[in-house]
Amino acid sequence: MTLVVDKDMAIGSFAKTFVDIDLDKVSLMNKLNLWVNNLAKLLMLWNNLLSIRNHIFTKK
């Protein structure tokens, strides 16, 4: 992290505006939401598989 003061300017890949930073945060939140949603779906599928397994082994 670098402190830029007075008339100094960041250049290259370090040059970001407040718009870029907000977009980075939105992109990160979108990725996090996608990951959480996928995890929830995976847990529901796992629960369904356990229910099917339980039904198969207890109904004989």
C-alpha atoms as a PDB file:
ATOM      1  CA  MET A   1       0.000   0.000   0.000  1.00  0.00           C
ATOM      2  CA  THR A   2       1.298   3.435  -0.877  1.00  0.00           C
ATOM      3  CA  LEU A   3       0.306   6.867   0.316  1.00  0.00           C
ATOM      4  CA  VAL A   4      -0.068   9.368  -2.533  1.00  0.00           C
ATOM      5  CA  VAL A   5      -0.036  13.023  -1.470  1.00  0.00           C
ATOM      6  CA  ASP A   6       0.033  16.476  -2.986  1.00  0.00           C
ATOM      7  CA  LYS A   7       0.558  16.387  -6.764  1.00  0.00           C
ATOM      8  CA  ASP A   8       1.928  12.832  -6.906  1.00  0.00           C
ATOM      9  CA  MET A   9       0.001  10.383  -9.028  1.00  0.00           C
ATOM     10  CA  ALA A  10      -0.186   6.613  -9.079  1.00  0.00           C
ATOM     11  CA  ILE A  11       0.640   5.101 -12.473  1.00  0.00           C
ATOM     12  CA  GLY A  12       0.155   1.793 -14.248  1.00  0.00           C
ATOM     13  CA  SER A  13      -1.801  -0.965 -12.557  1.00  0.00           C
ATOM     14  CA  PHE A  14      -1.709   0.977  -9.267  1.00  0.00           C
ATOM     15  CA  ALA A  15      -3.721   3.872 -10.708  1.00  0.00           C
ATOM     16  CA  LYS A  16      -7.312   3.428  -9.578  1.00  0.00           C
ATOM     17  CA  THR A  17     -10.167   5.839  -9.154  1.00  0.00           C
ATOM     18  CA  PHE A  18     -12.961   5.526  -6.622  1.00  0.00           C
ATOM     19  CA  VAL A  19     -15.076   4.027  -9.416  1.00  0.00           C
ATOM     20  CA  ASP A  20     -12.551   1.215  -9.965  1.00  0.00           C
ATOM     21  CA  ILE A  21     -12.427   0.455  -6.274  1.00  0.00           C
ATOM     22  CA  ASP A  22     -16.213   0.303  -5.992  1.00  0.00           C
ATOM     23  CA  LEU A  23     -16.363  -2.023  -9.000  1.00  0.00           C
ATOM     24  CA  ASP A  24     -13.741  -4.262  -7.417  1.00  0.00           C
ATOM     25  CA  LYS A  25     -15.849  -4.476  -4.259  1.00  0.00           C
ATOM     26  CA  VAL A  26     -18.998  -5.249  -6.250  1.00  0.00           C
ATOM     27  CA  SER A  27     -17.167  -7.943  -8.205  1.00  0.00           C
ATOM     28  CA  LEU A  28     -15.872  -9.469  -4.979  1.00  0.00           C
ATOM     29  CA  MET A  29     -19.345  -9.417  -3.434  1.00  0.00           C
ATOM     30  CA  ASN A  30     -20.809 -11.043  -6.550  1.00  0.00           C
ATOM     31  CA  LYS A  31     -18.202 -13.801  -6.359  1.00  0.00           C
ATOM     32  CA  LEU A  32     -18.871 -14.289  -2.657  1.00  0.00           C
ATOM     33  CA  ASN A  33     -22.639 -14.449  -3.232  1.00  0.00           C
ATOM     34  CA  LEU A  34     -22.136 -16.990  -6.017  1.00  0.00           C
ATOM     35  CA  TRP A  35     -19.897 -19.098  -3.770  1.00  0.00           C
ATOM     36  CA  VAL A  36     -22.431 -18.998  -0.913  1.00  0.00           C
ATOM     37  CA  ASN A  37     -25.295 -19.911  -3.251  1.00  0.00           C
ATOM     38  CA  ASN A  38     -23.317 -22.818  -4.693  1.00  0.00           C
ATOM     39  CA  LEU A  39     -22.444 -24.001  -1.200  1.00  0.00           C
ATOM     40  CA  ALA A  40     -26.119 -23.890  -0.195  1.00  0.00           C
ATOM     41  CA  LYS A  41     -27.062 -25.928  -3.278  1.00  0.00           C
ATOM     42  CA  LEU A  42     -24.332 -28.447  -2.514  1.00  0.00           C
ATOM     43  CA  LEU A  43     -25.555 -28.808   1.068  1.00  0.00           C
ATOM     44  CA  MET A  44     -29.135 -29.361  -0.124  1.00  0.00           C
ATOM     45  CA  LEU A  45     -27.956 -32.042  -2.555  1.00  0.00           C
ATOM     46  CA  TRP A  46     -25.915 -33.706   0.188  1.00  0.00           C
ATOM     47  CA  ASN A  47     -28.958 -33.673   2.478  1.00  0.00           C
ATOM     48  CA  ASN A  48     -31.059 -35.265  -0.276  1.00  0.00           C
ATOM     49  CA  LEU A  49     -28.464 -37.986  -0.795  1.00  0.00           C
ATOM     50  CA  LEU A  50     -28.390 -38.723   2.931  1.00  0.00           C
ATOM     51  CA  SER A  51     -32.184 -38.930   2.982  1.00  0.00           C
ATOM     52  CA  ILE A  52     -32.198 -41.357   0.048  1.00  0.00           C
ATOM     53  CA  ARG A  53     -29.474 -43.456   1.683  1.00  0.00           C
ATOM     54  CA  ASN A  54     -31.393 -43.511   4.948  1.00  0.00           C
ATOM     55  CA  HIS A  55     -34.592 -44.529   3.147  1.00  0.00           C
ATOM     56  CA  ILE A  56     -32.836 -47.354   1.267  1.00  0.00           C
ATOM     57  CA  PHE A  57     -31.198 -48.844   4.354  1.00  0.00           C
ATOM     58  CA  THR A  58     -34.131 -48.488   6.761  1.00  0.00           C
ATOM     59  CA  LYS A  59     -36.983 -49.683   4.532  1.00  0.00           C
ATOM     60  CA  LYS A  60     -35.723 -53.249   3.904  1.00  0.00           C
END
